[in-house]
N, C-alpha and C. Protein backbone atom coordinates (compact mmCIF):
# COMPACT_ATOMS: atom_id res chain seq x y z
N MET A 1 93.86 80.50 78.16
CA MET A 1 94.39 79.59 79.15
C MET A 1 94.45 78.19 78.56
N ILE A 2 95.56 77.50 78.79
CA ILE A 2 95.74 76.14 78.28
C ILE A 2 95.16 75.16 79.29
N LYS A 3 94.29 74.29 78.80
CA LYS A 3 93.72 73.26 79.67
C LYS A 3 94.76 72.20 79.96
N ALA A 4 94.64 71.60 81.12
CA ALA A 4 95.54 70.50 81.49
C ALA A 4 95.32 69.33 80.53
N LEU A 5 96.38 68.67 80.19
CA LEU A 5 96.28 67.51 79.31
C LEU A 5 95.70 66.32 80.05
N PRO A 6 94.95 65.46 79.36
CA PRO A 6 94.49 64.22 80.00
C PRO A 6 95.70 63.40 80.46
N THR A 7 95.57 62.70 81.54
CA THR A 7 96.68 61.95 82.12
C THR A 7 97.32 60.97 81.13
N PRO A 8 96.55 60.21 80.34
CA PRO A 8 97.22 59.31 79.38
C PRO A 8 98.13 60.06 78.40
N ILE A 9 97.71 61.24 77.98
CA ILE A 9 98.53 62.03 77.05
C ILE A 9 99.76 62.57 77.76
N GLN A 10 99.59 63.05 78.99
CA GLN A 10 100.73 63.52 79.77
C GLN A 10 101.72 62.38 80.00
N ASN A 11 101.21 61.17 80.23
CA ASN A 11 102.08 60.01 80.41
C ASN A 11 102.89 59.74 79.14
N MET A 12 102.23 59.83 77.98
CA MET A 12 102.94 59.61 76.72
C MET A 12 104.01 60.68 76.49
N LEU A 13 103.68 61.92 76.78
CA LEU A 13 104.66 63.00 76.59
C LEU A 13 105.85 62.84 77.52
N SER A 14 105.59 62.55 78.78
CA SER A 14 106.68 62.38 79.75
C SER A 14 107.53 61.17 79.40
N THR A 15 106.88 60.09 79.00
CA THR A 15 107.59 58.87 78.64
C THR A 15 108.42 59.10 77.37
N GLY A 16 107.87 59.83 76.41
CA GLY A 16 108.62 60.14 75.19
C GLY A 16 109.86 60.96 75.48
N LEU A 17 109.73 61.92 76.38
CA LEU A 17 110.88 62.74 76.76
C LEU A 17 111.98 61.87 77.39
N ILE A 18 111.58 61.00 78.29
CA ILE A 18 112.55 60.10 78.93
C ILE A 18 113.19 59.20 77.88
N PHE A 19 112.40 58.70 76.94
CA PHE A 19 112.95 57.84 75.90
C PHE A 19 114.04 58.58 75.12
N MET A 20 113.80 59.84 74.80
CA MET A 20 114.79 60.60 74.05
C MET A 20 116.05 60.82 74.89
N TYR A 21 115.90 60.97 76.20
CA TYR A 21 117.09 61.08 77.05
C TYR A 21 117.87 59.77 77.07
N THR A 22 117.19 58.64 76.97
CA THR A 22 117.92 57.36 76.90
C THR A 22 118.67 57.27 75.57
N ALA A 23 118.11 57.85 74.50
CA ALA A 23 118.83 57.90 73.22
C ALA A 23 120.09 58.75 73.37
N ASN A 24 119.99 59.84 74.13
CA ASN A 24 121.15 60.69 74.40
C ASN A 24 122.21 59.91 75.18
N VAL A 25 121.79 59.12 76.14
CA VAL A 25 122.73 58.29 76.92
C VAL A 25 123.48 57.35 75.97
N GLN A 26 122.74 56.71 75.07
CA GLN A 26 123.38 55.80 74.12
C GLN A 26 124.38 56.53 73.24
N GLY A 27 124.01 57.69 72.74
CA GLY A 27 124.91 58.46 71.90
C GLY A 27 126.16 58.91 72.63
N THR A 28 126.01 59.29 73.88
CA THR A 28 127.16 59.72 74.68
C THR A 28 128.09 58.54 74.95
N MET A 29 127.51 57.37 75.27
CA MET A 29 128.34 56.18 75.47
C MET A 29 129.12 55.88 74.19
N ALA A 30 128.46 55.98 73.05
CA ALA A 30 129.12 55.71 71.77
C ALA A 30 130.29 56.67 71.55
N ASP A 31 130.07 57.95 71.79
CA ASP A 31 131.15 58.92 71.62
C ASP A 31 132.32 58.67 72.56
N LEU A 32 132.02 58.27 73.78
CA LEU A 32 133.09 57.95 74.72
C LEU A 32 133.87 56.72 74.28
N ILE A 33 133.18 55.73 73.75
CA ILE A 33 133.85 54.53 73.21
C ILE A 33 134.78 54.93 72.07
N ILE A 34 134.26 55.72 71.13
CA ILE A 34 135.06 56.15 69.98
C ILE A 34 136.29 56.93 70.45
N ALA A 35 136.10 57.84 71.39
CA ALA A 35 137.22 58.64 71.90
C ALA A 35 138.29 57.77 72.54
N LYS A 36 137.86 56.73 73.23
CA LYS A 36 138.83 55.86 73.90
C LYS A 36 139.52 54.92 72.90
N LYS A 37 138.77 54.38 71.96
CA LYS A 37 139.33 53.41 71.01
C LYS A 37 140.16 54.04 69.90
N TYR A 38 139.85 55.27 69.56
CA TYR A 38 140.49 55.91 68.40
C TYR A 38 141.03 57.28 68.79
N PRO A 39 142.15 57.32 69.49
CA PRO A 39 142.68 58.60 69.98
C PRO A 39 142.98 59.61 68.87
N ASP A 40 143.40 59.14 67.69
CA ASP A 40 143.66 60.09 66.59
C ASP A 40 142.38 60.75 66.12
N LEU A 41 141.29 59.97 66.01
CA LEU A 41 140.00 60.54 65.63
C LEU A 41 139.50 61.50 66.69
N LYS A 42 139.74 61.14 67.95
CA LYS A 42 139.32 62.00 69.06
C LYS A 42 140.01 63.36 68.97
N ARG A 43 141.30 63.36 68.70
CA ARG A 43 142.04 64.63 68.62
C ARG A 43 141.46 65.52 67.52
N LYS A 44 141.18 64.93 66.36
CA LYS A 44 140.59 65.70 65.25
C LYS A 44 139.20 66.22 65.64
N PHE A 45 138.43 65.37 66.29
CA PHE A 45 137.07 65.73 66.71
C PHE A 45 137.09 66.90 67.68
N VAL A 46 137.94 66.82 68.69
CA VAL A 46 138.03 67.87 69.71
C VAL A 46 138.55 69.17 69.09
N ALA A 47 139.43 69.05 68.12
CA ALA A 47 140.03 70.24 67.50
C ALA A 47 139.03 71.01 66.63
N THR A 48 137.97 70.36 66.19
CA THR A 48 136.99 71.02 65.30
C THR A 48 135.58 70.89 65.89
N PRO A 49 135.29 71.63 66.95
CA PRO A 49 134.02 71.46 67.65
C PRO A 49 132.78 71.75 66.82
N LYS A 50 132.89 72.54 65.79
CA LYS A 50 131.71 72.88 64.98
C LYS A 50 131.52 71.96 63.79
N ILE A 51 132.54 71.17 63.46
CA ILE A 51 132.48 70.26 62.31
C ILE A 51 132.96 68.89 62.77
N VAL A 52 132.13 67.87 62.57
CA VAL A 52 132.52 66.51 62.93
C VAL A 52 133.32 65.93 61.76
N PRO A 53 134.59 65.55 62.01
CA PRO A 53 135.39 64.97 60.93
C PRO A 53 134.71 63.73 60.33
N LYS A 54 134.90 63.56 59.02
CA LYS A 54 134.24 62.49 58.27
C LYS A 54 134.49 61.11 58.87
N ASP A 55 135.73 60.80 59.23
CA ASP A 55 136.05 59.48 59.77
C ASP A 55 135.39 59.25 61.14
N TYR A 56 135.33 60.30 61.92
CA TYR A 56 134.66 60.22 63.22
C TYR A 56 133.16 59.97 63.01
N LEU A 57 132.59 60.72 62.08
CA LEU A 57 131.17 60.59 61.79
C LEU A 57 130.82 59.17 61.34
N LYS A 58 131.68 58.57 60.55
CA LYS A 58 131.43 57.19 60.10
C LYS A 58 131.36 56.24 61.29
N LYS A 59 132.27 56.40 62.22
CA LYS A 59 132.25 55.55 63.44
C LYS A 59 130.97 55.83 64.23
N ARG A 60 130.64 57.08 64.39
CA ARG A 60 129.44 57.47 65.13
C ARG A 60 128.19 56.83 64.52
N CYS A 61 128.08 56.91 63.21
CA CYS A 61 126.90 56.35 62.52
C CYS A 61 126.79 54.84 62.72
N LYS A 62 127.93 54.15 62.76
CA LYS A 62 127.88 52.70 63.03
C LYS A 62 127.29 52.41 64.41
N TYR A 63 127.61 53.26 65.38
CA TYR A 63 127.07 53.06 66.73
C TYR A 63 125.59 53.42 66.78
N TRP A 64 125.15 54.36 65.96
CA TRP A 64 123.74 54.72 65.93
C TRP A 64 122.89 53.55 65.44
N GLU A 65 123.48 52.67 64.64
CA GLU A 65 122.77 51.51 64.11
C GLU A 65 122.64 50.38 65.13
N LYS A 66 123.42 50.42 66.18
CA LYS A 66 123.44 49.34 67.17
C LYS A 66 122.31 49.49 68.18
N GLN A 67 121.98 48.37 68.80
CA GLN A 67 121.01 48.37 69.89
C GLN A 67 121.66 48.97 71.14
N PHE A 68 120.83 49.52 72.00
CA PHE A 68 121.32 50.12 73.25
C PHE A 68 122.16 49.11 74.03
N GLY A 69 121.66 47.88 74.13
CA GLY A 69 122.36 46.85 74.90
C GLY A 69 123.76 46.56 74.38
N SER A 70 123.93 46.54 73.08
CA SER A 70 125.25 46.30 72.49
C SER A 70 126.22 47.43 72.83
N VAL A 71 125.73 48.66 72.71
CA VAL A 71 126.57 49.82 73.04
C VAL A 71 126.89 49.80 74.54
N LYS A 72 125.89 49.52 75.35
CA LYS A 72 126.10 49.47 76.80
C LYS A 72 127.15 48.42 77.16
N ASN A 73 127.04 47.22 76.58
CA ASN A 73 128.00 46.15 76.90
C ASN A 73 129.42 46.53 76.50
N GLU A 74 129.59 47.12 75.32
CA GLU A 74 130.92 47.55 74.89
C GLU A 74 131.44 48.67 75.79
N PHE A 75 130.57 49.59 76.14
CA PHE A 75 130.95 50.70 77.02
C PHE A 75 131.45 50.17 78.37
N VAL A 76 130.70 49.26 78.95
CA VAL A 76 131.07 48.70 80.26
C VAL A 76 132.39 47.94 80.16
N GLU A 77 132.57 47.23 79.06
CA GLU A 77 133.82 46.48 78.88
C GLU A 77 135.02 47.42 78.71
N ILE A 78 134.88 48.42 77.86
CA ILE A 78 136.00 49.32 77.56
C ILE A 78 136.36 50.19 78.77
N PHE A 79 135.36 50.57 79.55
CA PHE A 79 135.61 51.44 80.70
C PHE A 79 135.55 50.68 82.03
N SER A 80 135.73 49.37 81.99
CA SER A 80 135.57 48.54 83.19
C SER A 80 136.44 49.01 84.36
N GLU A 81 137.63 49.51 84.07
CA GLU A 81 138.52 49.95 85.14
C GLU A 81 138.08 51.28 85.76
N GLU A 82 137.24 52.02 85.05
CA GLU A 82 136.85 53.36 85.49
C GLU A 82 135.41 53.46 85.97
N LEU A 83 134.65 52.37 85.84
CA LEU A 83 133.25 52.37 86.26
C LEU A 83 133.09 51.65 87.58
N SER A 84 132.31 52.24 88.46
CA SER A 84 131.99 51.59 89.72
C SER A 84 130.81 50.64 89.50
N PRO A 85 130.59 49.73 90.42
CA PRO A 85 129.39 48.89 90.31
C PRO A 85 128.10 49.73 90.27
N GLU A 86 128.11 50.88 90.95
CA GLU A 86 126.94 51.77 90.93
C GLU A 86 126.73 52.36 89.54
N ASP A 87 127.83 52.74 88.87
CA ASP A 87 127.73 53.26 87.51
C ASP A 87 127.10 52.21 86.59
N VAL A 88 127.61 51.00 86.66
CA VAL A 88 127.10 49.91 85.82
C VAL A 88 125.63 49.64 86.15
N GLY A 89 125.28 49.67 87.43
CA GLY A 89 123.89 49.46 87.84
C GLY A 89 122.96 50.53 87.28
N ARG A 90 123.40 51.77 87.31
CA ARG A 90 122.56 52.86 86.78
C ARG A 90 122.38 52.73 85.26
N ILE A 91 123.44 52.39 84.56
CA ILE A 91 123.34 52.20 83.11
C ILE A 91 122.43 51.03 82.78
N THR A 92 122.51 49.98 83.58
CA THR A 92 121.65 48.81 83.40
C THR A 92 120.18 49.19 83.62
N LYS A 93 119.91 49.99 84.62
CA LYS A 93 118.54 50.45 84.87
C LYS A 93 118.02 51.27 83.69
N ILE A 94 118.87 52.12 83.15
CA ILE A 94 118.47 52.93 81.99
C ILE A 94 118.19 52.03 80.80
N HIS A 95 118.98 50.99 80.63
CA HIS A 95 118.75 50.03 79.55
C HIS A 95 117.38 49.35 79.71
N HIS A 96 117.09 48.89 80.91
CA HIS A 96 115.78 48.27 81.17
C HIS A 96 114.65 49.26 80.90
N LEU A 97 114.82 50.47 81.38
CA LEU A 97 113.80 51.50 81.20
C LEU A 97 113.54 51.76 79.72
N ARG A 98 114.60 51.86 78.96
CA ARG A 98 114.47 52.09 77.51
C ARG A 98 113.68 50.95 76.86
N ASN A 99 114.01 49.71 77.24
CA ASN A 99 113.28 48.56 76.68
C ASN A 99 111.82 48.58 77.10
N MET A 100 111.58 48.93 78.33
CA MET A 100 110.19 49.00 78.81
C MET A 100 109.39 50.00 77.99
N ILE A 101 109.96 51.17 77.76
CA ILE A 101 109.26 52.21 77.01
C ILE A 101 109.07 51.77 75.55
N ALA A 102 110.12 51.24 74.96
CA ALA A 102 110.06 50.86 73.54
C ALA A 102 109.06 49.74 73.27
N HIS A 103 108.81 48.90 74.27
CA HIS A 103 107.95 47.74 74.06
C HIS A 103 106.67 47.80 74.91
N ALA A 104 106.31 48.98 75.33
CA ALA A 104 105.13 49.15 76.18
C ALA A 104 103.85 49.06 75.36
N HIS A 105 102.80 48.63 76.03
CA HIS A 105 101.46 48.69 75.45
C HIS A 105 100.87 50.03 75.88
N VAL A 106 100.51 50.84 74.88
CA VAL A 106 100.06 52.21 75.13
C VAL A 106 98.58 52.31 74.78
N SER A 107 97.83 53.02 75.60
CA SER A 107 96.42 53.24 75.34
C SER A 107 96.05 54.66 75.72
N HIS A 108 95.21 55.30 74.91
CA HIS A 108 94.71 56.64 75.26
C HIS A 108 93.70 56.58 76.39
N GLY A 109 93.24 55.38 76.71
CA GLY A 109 92.20 55.24 77.72
C GLY A 109 92.71 54.89 79.11
N ARG A 110 94.03 54.76 79.28
CA ARG A 110 94.60 54.41 80.59
C ARG A 110 95.62 55.45 81.02
N ASP A 111 95.73 55.63 82.32
CA ASP A 111 96.70 56.57 82.88
C ASP A 111 98.11 55.97 82.94
N TYR A 112 98.30 54.77 82.47
CA TYR A 112 99.58 54.09 82.54
C TYR A 112 99.78 53.27 81.27
N MET A 113 101.04 52.91 81.03
CA MET A 113 101.41 51.98 79.97
C MET A 113 101.75 50.66 80.65
N MET A 114 101.64 49.59 79.92
CA MET A 114 101.99 48.28 80.49
C MET A 114 103.17 47.70 79.72
N TYR A 115 104.02 47.03 80.47
CA TYR A 115 105.17 46.35 79.87
C TYR A 115 105.21 44.93 80.39
N ARG A 116 105.35 44.01 79.46
CA ARG A 116 105.49 42.60 79.79
C ARG A 116 106.91 42.18 79.42
N PRO A 117 107.75 41.89 80.42
CA PRO A 117 109.12 41.45 80.11
C PRO A 117 109.10 40.16 79.30
N HIS A 118 110.05 40.02 78.42
CA HIS A 118 110.16 38.79 77.65
C HIS A 118 111.47 38.10 77.98
N GLY A 119 111.59 36.87 77.59
CA GLY A 119 112.84 36.15 77.79
C GLY A 119 112.78 35.09 78.87
N GLY A 120 111.61 34.85 79.42
CA GLY A 120 111.49 33.79 80.41
C GLY A 120 111.74 34.24 81.83
N GLU A 121 111.59 33.28 82.72
CA GLU A 121 111.67 33.56 84.17
C GLU A 121 113.03 34.09 84.60
N LYS A 122 114.10 33.55 84.01
CA LYS A 122 115.45 33.97 84.40
C LYS A 122 115.67 35.46 84.11
N LEU A 123 115.28 35.91 82.91
CA LEU A 123 115.43 37.32 82.56
C LEU A 123 114.46 38.21 83.32
N GLU A 124 113.27 37.67 83.61
CA GLU A 124 112.32 38.41 84.43
C GLU A 124 112.91 38.67 85.81
N GLN A 125 113.52 37.64 86.38
CA GLN A 125 114.12 37.76 87.71
C GLN A 125 115.25 38.78 87.70
N LYS A 126 116.05 38.78 86.63
CA LYS A 126 117.13 39.76 86.52
C LYS A 126 116.58 41.18 86.48
N LEU A 127 115.51 41.40 85.72
CA LEU A 127 114.87 42.71 85.65
C LEU A 127 114.39 43.14 87.04
N ILE A 128 113.75 42.24 87.75
CA ILE A 128 113.25 42.53 89.10
C ILE A 128 114.41 42.93 90.02
N GLU A 129 115.51 42.18 89.94
CA GLU A 129 116.67 42.49 90.78
C GLU A 129 117.32 43.81 90.38
N ASP A 130 117.56 43.99 89.08
CA ASP A 130 118.23 45.20 88.61
C ASP A 130 117.45 46.47 88.94
N LEU A 131 116.12 46.40 88.84
CA LEU A 131 115.30 47.57 89.10
C LEU A 131 114.86 47.68 90.56
N GLY A 132 115.17 46.68 91.36
CA GLY A 132 114.77 46.70 92.77
C GLY A 132 113.27 46.65 92.97
N ILE A 133 112.58 45.89 92.12
CA ILE A 133 111.12 45.81 92.19
C ILE A 133 110.71 44.87 93.31
N GLN A 134 109.74 45.31 94.10
CA GLN A 134 109.17 44.49 95.17
C GLN A 134 107.80 44.01 94.70
N LEU A 135 107.70 42.73 94.40
CA LEU A 135 106.42 42.18 93.95
C LEU A 135 105.54 41.86 95.15
N SER A 136 104.27 42.17 95.05
CA SER A 136 103.32 41.85 96.11
C SER A 136 102.74 40.46 95.85
N ASP A 137 102.05 39.94 96.84
CA ASP A 137 101.39 38.64 96.68
C ASP A 137 100.29 38.73 95.62
N GLU A 138 99.81 39.94 95.37
CA GLU A 138 98.73 40.16 94.40
C GLU A 138 99.26 40.50 93.00
N ALA A 139 100.56 40.35 92.78
CA ALA A 139 101.16 40.71 91.48
C ALA A 139 100.55 39.88 90.36
N ALA A 140 100.41 40.50 89.21
CA ALA A 140 99.83 39.82 88.05
C ALA A 140 100.75 38.71 87.57
N GLU A 141 100.13 37.67 87.05
CA GLU A 141 100.87 36.60 86.40
C GLU A 141 100.25 36.37 85.05
N PRO A 142 100.99 36.46 83.97
CA PRO A 142 102.41 36.81 83.94
C PRO A 142 102.63 38.25 84.40
N MET A 143 103.87 38.51 84.80
CA MET A 143 104.21 39.80 85.37
C MET A 143 103.99 40.93 84.35
N LEU A 144 103.36 41.99 84.79
CA LEU A 144 103.18 43.22 84.02
C LEU A 144 103.69 44.38 84.86
N LEU A 145 104.37 45.31 84.23
CA LEU A 145 104.85 46.49 84.93
C LEU A 145 104.14 47.71 84.39
N LYS A 146 103.81 48.63 85.27
CA LYS A 146 103.18 49.88 84.87
C LYS A 146 104.23 50.95 84.67
N ILE A 147 104.00 51.76 83.65
CA ILE A 147 104.83 52.94 83.42
C ILE A 147 103.91 54.13 83.64
N GLU A 148 104.20 54.88 84.70
CA GLU A 148 103.36 56.03 85.08
C GLU A 148 104.23 57.27 85.25
N LEU A 149 104.83 57.69 84.16
CA LEU A 149 105.74 58.84 84.24
C LEU A 149 105.00 60.17 84.28
N TRP A 150 103.69 60.15 84.27
CA TRP A 150 102.92 61.38 84.50
C TRP A 150 102.99 61.75 85.97
N LYS A 151 103.32 60.78 86.81
CA LYS A 151 103.46 61.04 88.25
C LYS A 151 104.79 61.76 88.48
N GLU A 152 104.72 62.92 89.08
CA GLU A 152 105.89 63.77 89.25
C GLU A 152 107.04 63.03 89.95
N ASP A 153 106.75 62.26 91.00
CA ASP A 153 107.82 61.58 91.73
C ASP A 153 108.50 60.51 90.88
N GLU A 154 107.72 59.80 90.06
CA GLU A 154 108.32 58.77 89.20
C GLU A 154 109.13 59.41 88.08
N PHE A 155 108.59 60.46 87.48
CA PHE A 155 109.33 61.17 86.43
C PHE A 155 110.62 61.74 87.00
N GLN A 156 110.57 62.32 88.19
CA GLN A 156 111.75 62.92 88.80
C GLN A 156 112.79 61.86 89.14
N ALA A 157 112.36 60.69 89.62
CA ALA A 157 113.31 59.62 89.95
C ALA A 157 114.07 59.15 88.70
N VAL A 158 113.34 58.99 87.60
CA VAL A 158 113.98 58.57 86.36
C VAL A 158 114.89 59.68 85.83
N SER A 159 114.44 60.92 85.89
CA SER A 159 115.27 62.05 85.46
C SER A 159 116.55 62.13 86.28
N ASN A 160 116.45 61.92 87.57
CA ASN A 160 117.63 61.94 88.44
C ASN A 160 118.60 60.81 88.09
N LEU A 161 118.07 59.65 87.77
CA LEU A 161 118.91 58.51 87.37
C LEU A 161 119.72 58.87 86.13
N ILE A 162 119.04 59.40 85.12
CA ILE A 162 119.71 59.76 83.88
C ILE A 162 120.69 60.91 84.10
N SER A 163 120.30 61.90 84.89
CA SER A 163 121.20 63.02 85.20
C SER A 163 122.46 62.55 85.91
N SER A 164 122.32 61.57 86.81
CA SER A 164 123.50 61.10 87.56
C SER A 164 124.52 60.45 86.64
N ILE A 165 124.06 59.74 85.63
CA ILE A 165 124.99 59.13 84.67
C ILE A 165 125.64 60.23 83.83
N THR A 166 124.83 61.15 83.36
CA THR A 166 125.33 62.21 82.48
C THR A 166 126.27 63.15 83.22
N GLU A 167 125.83 63.66 84.36
CA GLU A 167 126.57 64.70 85.06
C GLU A 167 127.73 64.17 85.90
N ASP A 168 127.66 62.92 86.31
CA ASP A 168 128.75 62.37 87.12
C ASP A 168 129.66 61.49 86.27
N THR A 169 129.13 60.38 85.83
CA THR A 169 129.94 59.37 85.14
C THR A 169 130.47 59.87 83.81
N PHE A 170 129.58 60.37 82.94
CA PHE A 170 130.02 60.78 81.61
C PHE A 170 130.95 61.98 81.66
N VAL A 171 130.69 62.93 82.53
CA VAL A 171 131.57 64.09 82.66
C VAL A 171 132.96 63.65 83.11
N ARG A 172 133.01 62.76 84.08
CA ARG A 172 134.30 62.27 84.58
C ARG A 172 135.08 61.56 83.48
N LEU A 173 134.41 60.67 82.74
CA LEU A 173 135.09 59.92 81.68
C LEU A 173 135.53 60.85 80.55
N ALA A 174 134.68 61.79 80.19
CA ALA A 174 135.04 62.75 79.13
C ALA A 174 136.24 63.58 79.55
N ASN A 175 136.25 64.04 80.79
CA ASN A 175 137.40 64.81 81.29
C ASN A 175 138.67 63.98 81.24
N ASN A 176 138.58 62.71 81.64
CA ASN A 176 139.75 61.82 81.61
C ASN A 176 140.28 61.65 80.19
N LEU A 177 139.38 61.68 79.20
CA LEU A 177 139.78 61.50 77.80
C LEU A 177 140.14 62.82 77.12
N GLY A 178 139.88 63.93 77.78
CA GLY A 178 140.14 65.23 77.18
C GLY A 178 139.13 65.63 76.12
N VAL A 179 137.88 65.19 76.32
CA VAL A 179 136.80 65.52 75.38
C VAL A 179 135.81 66.43 76.10
N PRO A 180 135.52 67.61 75.54
CA PRO A 180 134.51 68.47 76.17
C PRO A 180 133.14 67.77 76.16
N ILE A 181 132.54 67.67 77.31
CA ILE A 181 131.25 66.97 77.41
C ILE A 181 130.19 67.60 76.52
N GLY A 182 130.24 68.90 76.32
CA GLY A 182 129.27 69.57 75.47
C GLY A 182 129.35 69.15 74.00
N GLN A 183 130.47 68.56 73.61
CA GLN A 183 130.62 68.09 72.24
C GLN A 183 129.98 66.72 72.03
N ILE A 184 129.75 66.00 73.12
CA ILE A 184 129.26 64.63 72.96
C ILE A 184 127.93 64.37 73.66
N SER A 185 127.46 65.27 74.47
CA SER A 185 126.24 64.99 75.22
C SER A 185 125.16 66.01 74.87
């Protein structure tokens, strides 16, 4: 019988899984950008599902080198006519979540990770608004956020957020471009 993992370890595993899904979101956005910007490359890519054409791969690798925020901004700009404010809001939340995970303070001795937003009060306020955070009168100063993805409800909420972008927005855009979603996601 396998013993249950300690909560800090379960939190790290759950958080790591979510982080990898955010990497998938970034990769899918990159592929959609490439498909929209380079229709000739897209046609070659779609025609050879088991082999990624060399020129397509070069474009893909350039996007892998970029930060999530850069890819997100280009994606939102290129697909501005096809994205709803809700789509943009969900992608923005995923961007914040990715940053929180990547810059979290992790400890084996705590059931949660801590994240301290950087960039001053203006960016802190934007994070609060984008994520819909309700600060209490007892909130820490400077602001610290807990990451507790070992909690089933929190893990499920984040999973649902990522699934909604993948299964709704990305599928719709891929269909509009004539790209099989299974080739890019």
